[in-house]
Amino acid sequence: MSKLVPENMAEVRIKLNDLRQAGQQIDADEFITHVVLHLFQIYLDNAEEGHYDTAEMTNPGLITVNNVNNAKVAQVSAKDKTFAESFRKNALFLRINLEDQADQIAIQNS
């Protein structure tokens, strides 16, 4: 498990349990959506060898990527209705897909 970002449902459950025991009430889908966005930003920064573009969750099934001038350069859609649903179904497949999309965005914008 990444110390900062859960990578599968088992790790999400552990993190949610820890947060709830600390008194924080967090919706699981909202948490997973945040996790997916965080993972994608990590993959994008890795692909671009630095933080040049910024990802934002436009809605639960769409990530928009903006460049340093805040112009939209790409969008990434969930394979299912939402990224949380995709993560729940197959987190590994989603992570591979997100990393591939980040690589493609980096290539297109280099």
N, C-alpha and C. Protein backbone atom coordinates (compact mmCIF):
# COMPACT_ATOMS: atom_id res chain seq x y z
N MET A 1 0.84 -1.18 0.00
CA MET A 1 0.00 0.00 0.00
C MET A 1 0.88 1.23 0.00
N SER A 2 0.51 2.20 -0.83
CA SER A 2 1.17 3.48 -0.79
C SER A 2 0.86 4.12 0.56
N LYS A 3 1.82 4.76 1.15
CA LYS A 3 1.58 5.38 2.45
C LYS A 3 0.56 6.50 2.35
N LEU A 4 0.46 7.13 1.20
CA LEU A 4 -0.42 8.29 1.06
C LEU A 4 -1.70 8.00 0.29
N VAL A 5 -1.64 7.15 -0.72
CA VAL A 5 -2.78 6.96 -1.60
C VAL A 5 -3.14 5.47 -1.70
N PRO A 6 -4.35 5.11 -1.29
CA PRO A 6 -4.77 3.71 -1.43
C PRO A 6 -4.84 3.32 -2.91
N GLU A 7 -4.49 2.07 -3.20
CA GLU A 7 -4.46 1.63 -4.59
C GLU A 7 -5.47 0.53 -4.90
N ASN A 8 -6.22 0.07 -3.89
CA ASN A 8 -7.25 -0.95 -4.13
C ASN A 8 -8.30 -0.83 -3.03
N MET A 9 -9.38 -1.62 -3.16
CA MET A 9 -10.48 -1.50 -2.21
C MET A 9 -10.08 -1.91 -0.79
N ALA A 10 -9.20 -2.88 -0.64
CA ALA A 10 -8.77 -3.28 0.70
C ALA A 10 -8.08 -2.10 1.39
N GLU A 11 -7.22 -1.40 0.67
CA GLU A 11 -6.53 -0.25 1.23
C GLU A 11 -7.50 0.90 1.49
N VAL A 12 -8.49 1.07 0.62
CA VAL A 12 -9.51 2.10 0.83
C VAL A 12 -10.28 1.82 2.12
N ARG A 13 -10.68 0.57 2.32
CA ARG A 13 -11.41 0.22 3.54
C ARG A 13 -10.59 0.50 4.80
N ILE A 14 -9.30 0.18 4.75
CA ILE A 14 -8.42 0.45 5.89
C ILE A 14 -8.34 1.95 6.16
N LYS A 15 -8.13 2.72 5.10
CA LYS A 15 -8.01 4.18 5.25
C LYS A 15 -9.32 4.79 5.74
N LEU A 16 -10.45 4.36 5.18
CA LEU A 16 -11.74 4.87 5.62
C LEU A 16 -11.98 4.53 7.08
N ASN A 17 -11.65 3.32 7.48
CA ASN A 17 -11.80 2.91 8.88
C ASN A 17 -10.95 3.79 9.79
N ASP A 18 -9.71 4.04 9.39
CA ASP A 18 -8.82 4.90 10.17
C ASP A 18 -9.41 6.31 10.31
N LEU A 19 -9.91 6.85 9.20
CA LEU A 19 -10.49 8.20 9.22
C LEU A 19 -11.74 8.25 10.09
N ARG A 20 -12.56 7.23 9.99
CA ARG A 20 -13.80 7.19 10.79
C ARG A 20 -13.49 7.04 12.28
N GLN A 21 -12.47 6.26 12.60
CA GLN A 21 -12.07 6.12 14.01
C GLN A 21 -11.52 7.43 14.55
N ALA A 22 -10.98 8.26 13.66
CA ALA A 22 -10.48 9.57 14.05
C ALA A 22 -11.60 10.61 14.11
N GLY A 23 -12.85 10.16 13.86
CA GLY A 23 -13.99 11.07 13.97
C GLY A 23 -14.42 11.74 12.68
N GLN A 24 -13.81 11.40 11.57
CA GLN A 24 -14.19 12.00 10.29
C GLN A 24 -15.23 11.13 9.60
N GLN A 25 -16.32 11.74 9.19
CA GLN A 25 -17.36 11.02 8.45
C GLN A 25 -17.17 11.32 6.97
N ILE A 26 -16.76 10.30 6.23
CA ILE A 26 -16.44 10.47 4.81
C ILE A 26 -17.23 9.47 4.00
N ASP A 27 -17.88 9.95 2.94
CA ASP A 27 -18.59 9.09 2.01
C ASP A 27 -17.58 8.27 1.21
N ALA A 28 -17.80 6.97 1.11
CA ALA A 28 -16.84 6.08 0.44
C ALA A 28 -16.65 6.47 -1.02
N ASP A 29 -17.73 6.73 -1.77
CA ASP A 29 -17.57 7.09 -3.18
C ASP A 29 -16.83 8.40 -3.36
N GLU A 30 -17.11 9.36 -2.50
CA GLU A 30 -16.41 10.64 -2.56
C GLU A 30 -14.91 10.43 -2.29
N PHE A 31 -14.61 9.60 -1.31
CA PHE A 31 -13.22 9.30 -0.98
C PHE A 31 -12.52 8.61 -2.15
N ILE A 32 -13.18 7.61 -2.74
CA ILE A 32 -12.59 6.90 -3.88
C ILE A 32 -12.37 7.85 -5.05
N THR A 33 -13.32 8.74 -5.31
CA THR A 33 -13.17 9.72 -6.39
C THR A 33 -11.95 10.59 -6.16
N HIS A 34 -11.74 11.01 -4.92
CA HIS A 34 -10.56 11.80 -4.58
C HIS A 34 -9.28 10.98 -4.78
N VAL A 35 -9.32 9.72 -4.39
CA VAL A 35 -8.18 8.82 -4.57
C VAL A 35 -7.83 8.69 -6.05
N VAL A 36 -8.84 8.49 -6.89
CA VAL A 36 -8.62 8.33 -8.33
C VAL A 36 -7.98 9.59 -8.91
N LEU A 37 -8.49 10.75 -8.53
CA LEU A 37 -7.92 12.01 -9.02
C LEU A 37 -6.46 12.14 -8.58
N HIS A 38 -6.20 11.80 -7.34
CA HIS A 38 -4.84 11.89 -6.80
C HIS A 38 -3.90 10.94 -7.55
N LEU A 39 -4.35 9.71 -7.77
CA LEU A 39 -3.54 8.75 -8.53
C LEU A 39 -3.26 9.25 -9.93
N PHE A 40 -4.29 9.78 -10.60
CA PHE A 40 -4.09 10.28 -11.96
C PHE A 40 -3.09 11.42 -11.99
N GLN A 41 -3.17 12.34 -11.02
CA GLN A 41 -2.22 13.46 -10.99
C GLN A 41 -0.79 12.94 -10.79
N ILE A 42 -0.63 11.93 -9.95
CA ILE A 42 0.69 11.32 -9.75
C ILE A 42 1.21 10.74 -11.07
N TYR A 43 0.34 9.99 -11.78
CA TYR A 43 0.75 9.40 -13.06
C TYR A 43 1.09 10.48 -14.08
N LEU A 44 0.30 11.55 -14.10
CA LEU A 44 0.53 12.64 -15.05
C LEU A 44 1.85 13.35 -14.75
N ASP A 45 2.10 13.65 -13.48
CA ASP A 45 3.37 14.29 -13.11
C ASP A 45 4.56 13.41 -13.46
N ASN A 46 4.40 12.11 -13.26
CA ASN A 46 5.45 11.16 -13.61
C ASN A 46 5.70 11.16 -15.11
N ALA A 47 4.63 11.10 -15.88
CA ALA A 47 4.75 11.04 -17.35
C ALA A 47 5.37 12.32 -17.90
N GLU A 48 5.06 13.44 -17.28
CA GLU A 48 5.58 14.73 -17.76
C GLU A 48 6.89 15.12 -17.09
N GLU A 49 7.37 14.26 -16.22
CA GLU A 49 8.61 14.51 -15.48
C GLU A 49 8.57 15.84 -14.74
N GLY A 50 7.44 16.10 -14.12
CA GLY A 50 7.23 17.31 -13.32
C GLY A 50 5.76 17.70 -13.37
N HIS A 51 5.39 18.68 -12.57
CA HIS A 51 4.00 19.12 -12.52
C HIS A 51 3.79 20.27 -13.50
N TYR A 52 3.32 19.93 -14.70
CA TYR A 52 3.06 20.93 -15.73
C TYR A 52 1.56 21.10 -15.96
N ASP A 53 0.83 20.02 -15.97
CA ASP A 53 -0.61 20.06 -16.18
C ASP A 53 -1.31 19.66 -14.89
N THR A 54 -2.52 20.17 -14.72
CA THR A 54 -3.28 19.90 -13.50
C THR A 54 -4.59 19.19 -13.85
N ALA A 55 -4.85 18.11 -13.15
CA ALA A 55 -6.08 17.35 -13.35
C ALA A 55 -7.13 17.83 -12.35
N GLU A 56 -8.38 17.88 -12.79
CA GLU A 56 -9.48 18.19 -11.89
C GLU A 56 -10.65 17.27 -12.22
N MET A 57 -11.38 16.89 -11.21
CA MET A 57 -12.54 16.02 -11.39
C MET A 57 -13.71 16.92 -11.78
N THR A 58 -14.05 16.91 -13.05
CA THR A 58 -15.13 17.75 -13.56
C THR A 58 -16.48 17.23 -13.06
N ASN A 59 -16.63 15.93 -13.07
CA ASN A 59 -17.78 15.26 -12.47
C ASN A 59 -17.30 13.86 -12.08
N PRO A 60 -18.10 13.07 -11.39
CA PRO A 60 -17.60 11.77 -10.90
C PRO A 60 -17.13 10.79 -11.98
N GLY A 61 -17.40 11.09 -13.25
CA GLY A 61 -16.96 10.21 -14.33
C GLY A 61 -16.06 10.88 -15.34
N LEU A 62 -15.54 12.08 -15.02
CA LEU A 62 -14.74 12.82 -15.99
C LEU A 62 -13.64 13.62 -15.30
N ILE A 63 -12.40 13.40 -15.77
CA ILE A 63 -11.26 14.19 -15.33
C ILE A 63 -10.87 15.12 -16.48
N THR A 64 -10.70 16.40 -16.16
CA THR A 64 -10.24 17.38 -17.14
C THR A 64 -8.81 17.76 -16.79
N VAL A 65 -7.98 17.88 -17.82
CA VAL A 65 -6.58 18.24 -17.63
C VAL A 65 -6.35 19.62 -18.23
N ASN A 66 -5.84 20.53 -17.40
CA ASN A 66 -5.55 21.90 -17.83
C ASN A 66 -4.05 22.14 -17.79
N ASN A 67 -3.57 22.93 -18.77
CA ASN A 67 -2.13 23.23 -18.80
C ASN A 67 -1.81 24.39 -17.87
N VAL A 68 -0.57 24.85 -17.89
CA VAL A 68 -0.13 25.92 -16.99
C VAL A 68 -0.86 27.24 -17.26
N ASN A 69 -1.42 27.39 -18.47
CA ASN A 69 -2.19 28.58 -18.81
C ASN A 69 -3.68 28.40 -18.51
N ASN A 70 -4.01 27.30 -17.83
CA ASN A 70 -5.38 26.94 -17.46
C ASN A 70 -6.27 26.66 -18.67
N ALA A 71 -5.66 26.26 -19.78
CA ALA A 71 -6.42 25.86 -20.96
C ALA A 71 -6.61 24.35 -20.93
N LYS A 72 -7.81 23.91 -21.26
CA LYS A 72 -8.10 22.48 -21.26
C LYS A 72 -7.30 21.81 -22.38
N VAL A 73 -6.54 20.77 -22.02
CA VAL A 73 -5.73 20.06 -23.01
C VAL A 73 -6.19 18.62 -23.21
N ALA A 74 -6.97 18.09 -22.26
CA ALA A 74 -7.43 16.71 -22.39
C ALA A 74 -8.54 16.42 -21.40
N GLN A 75 -9.25 15.32 -21.68
CA GLN A 75 -10.24 14.80 -20.76
C GLN A 75 -10.11 13.29 -20.70
N VAL A 76 -10.36 12.75 -19.55
CA VAL A 76 -10.31 11.30 -19.34
C VAL A 76 -11.65 10.89 -18.76
N SER A 77 -12.30 9.94 -19.42
CA SER A 77 -13.61 9.47 -18.97
C SER A 77 -13.49 8.12 -18.29
N ALA A 78 -14.35 7.92 -17.31
CA ALA A 78 -14.43 6.62 -16.64
C ALA A 78 -15.01 5.60 -17.61
N LYS A 79 -14.59 4.36 -17.49
CA LYS A 79 -15.14 3.28 -18.32
C LYS A 79 -16.56 2.94 -17.89
N ASP A 80 -16.86 3.18 -16.61
CA ASP A 80 -18.19 2.96 -16.08
C ASP A 80 -18.84 4.32 -15.88
N LYS A 81 -19.96 4.35 -15.17
CA LYS A 81 -20.65 5.63 -14.95
C LYS A 81 -19.79 6.61 -14.16
N THR A 82 -19.06 6.08 -13.17
CA THR A 82 -18.19 6.93 -12.35
C THR A 82 -16.84 6.24 -12.16
N PHE A 83 -15.85 7.04 -11.77
CA PHE A 83 -14.54 6.46 -11.46
C PHE A 83 -14.62 5.59 -10.21
N ALA A 84 -15.48 5.95 -9.27
CA ALA A 84 -15.63 5.13 -8.07
C ALA A 84 -16.14 3.74 -8.44
N GLU A 85 -17.09 3.67 -9.36
CA GLU A 85 -17.61 2.38 -9.81
C GLU A 85 -16.51 1.56 -10.49
N SER A 86 -15.74 2.22 -11.34
CA SER A 86 -14.63 1.53 -12.02
C SER A 86 -13.60 1.03 -11.01
N PHE A 87 -13.30 1.84 -10.01
CA PHE A 87 -12.33 1.47 -8.98
C PHE A 87 -12.83 0.26 -8.21
N ARG A 88 -14.11 0.28 -7.85
CA ARG A 88 -14.69 -0.84 -7.10
C ARG A 88 -14.66 -2.14 -7.92
N LYS A 89 -14.93 -2.03 -9.22
CA LYS A 89 -14.96 -3.22 -10.07
C LYS A 89 -13.58 -3.82 -10.27
N ASN A 90 -12.59 -2.96 -10.57
CA ASN A 90 -11.26 -3.47 -10.87
C ASN A 90 -10.25 -2.32 -10.75
N ALA A 91 -9.76 -2.11 -9.55
CA ALA A 91 -8.84 -1.00 -9.29
C ALA A 91 -7.56 -1.10 -10.11
N LEU A 92 -7.05 -2.31 -10.27
CA LEU A 92 -5.81 -2.48 -11.04
C LEU A 92 -6.01 -2.06 -12.50
N PHE A 93 -7.09 -2.52 -13.11
CA PHE A 93 -7.37 -2.14 -14.50
C PHE A 93 -7.53 -0.63 -14.62
N LEU A 94 -8.23 -0.02 -13.67
CA LEU A 94 -8.42 1.43 -13.70
C LEU A 94 -7.08 2.15 -13.58
N ARG A 95 -6.24 1.71 -12.66
CA ARG A 95 -4.93 2.35 -12.48
C ARG A 95 -4.07 2.23 -13.75
N ILE A 96 -4.09 1.06 -14.37
CA ILE A 96 -3.33 0.87 -15.62
C ILE A 96 -3.86 1.80 -16.69
N ASN A 97 -5.18 1.89 -16.80
CA ASN A 97 -5.80 2.76 -17.79
C ASN A 97 -5.46 4.24 -17.52
N LEU A 98 -5.53 4.66 -16.27
CA LEU A 98 -5.20 6.04 -15.93
C LEU A 98 -3.74 6.36 -16.25
N GLU A 99 -2.86 5.43 -15.95
CA GLU A 99 -1.44 5.65 -16.24
C GLU A 99 -1.21 5.74 -17.75
N ASP A 100 -1.89 4.89 -18.51
CA ASP A 100 -1.78 4.94 -19.97
C ASP A 100 -2.31 6.27 -20.51
N GLN A 101 -3.43 6.72 -19.99
CA GLN A 101 -3.99 8.01 -20.42
C GLN A 101 -3.04 9.15 -20.09
N ALA A 102 -2.45 9.12 -18.91
CA ALA A 102 -1.49 10.15 -18.52
C ALA A 102 -0.28 10.16 -19.46
N ASP A 103 0.20 8.97 -19.81
CA ASP A 103 1.33 8.88 -20.75
C ASP A 103 0.96 9.49 -22.10
N GLN A 104 -0.25 9.18 -22.59
CA GLN A 104 -0.70 9.70 -23.88
C GLN A 104 -0.81 11.24 -23.84
N ILE A 105 -1.34 11.77 -22.76
CA ILE A 105 -1.47 13.22 -22.60
C ILE A 105 -0.09 13.87 -22.60
N ALA A 106 0.85 13.27 -21.90
CA ALA A 106 2.21 13.81 -21.85
C ALA A 106 2.85 13.82 -23.24
N ILE A 107 2.64 12.76 -24.00
CA ILE A 107 3.19 12.67 -25.36
C ILE A 107 2.56 13.74 -26.25
N GLN A 108 1.25 13.88 -26.18
CA GLN A 108 0.53 14.85 -27.01
C GLN A 108 0.95 16.29 -26.71
N ASN A 109 1.30 16.57 -25.49
CA ASN A 109 1.59 17.94 -25.08
C ASN A 109 3.08 18.24 -24.92
N SER A 110 3.92 17.35 -25.45
CA SER A 110 5.36 17.63 -25.32
C SER A 110 5.89 18.35 -26.54
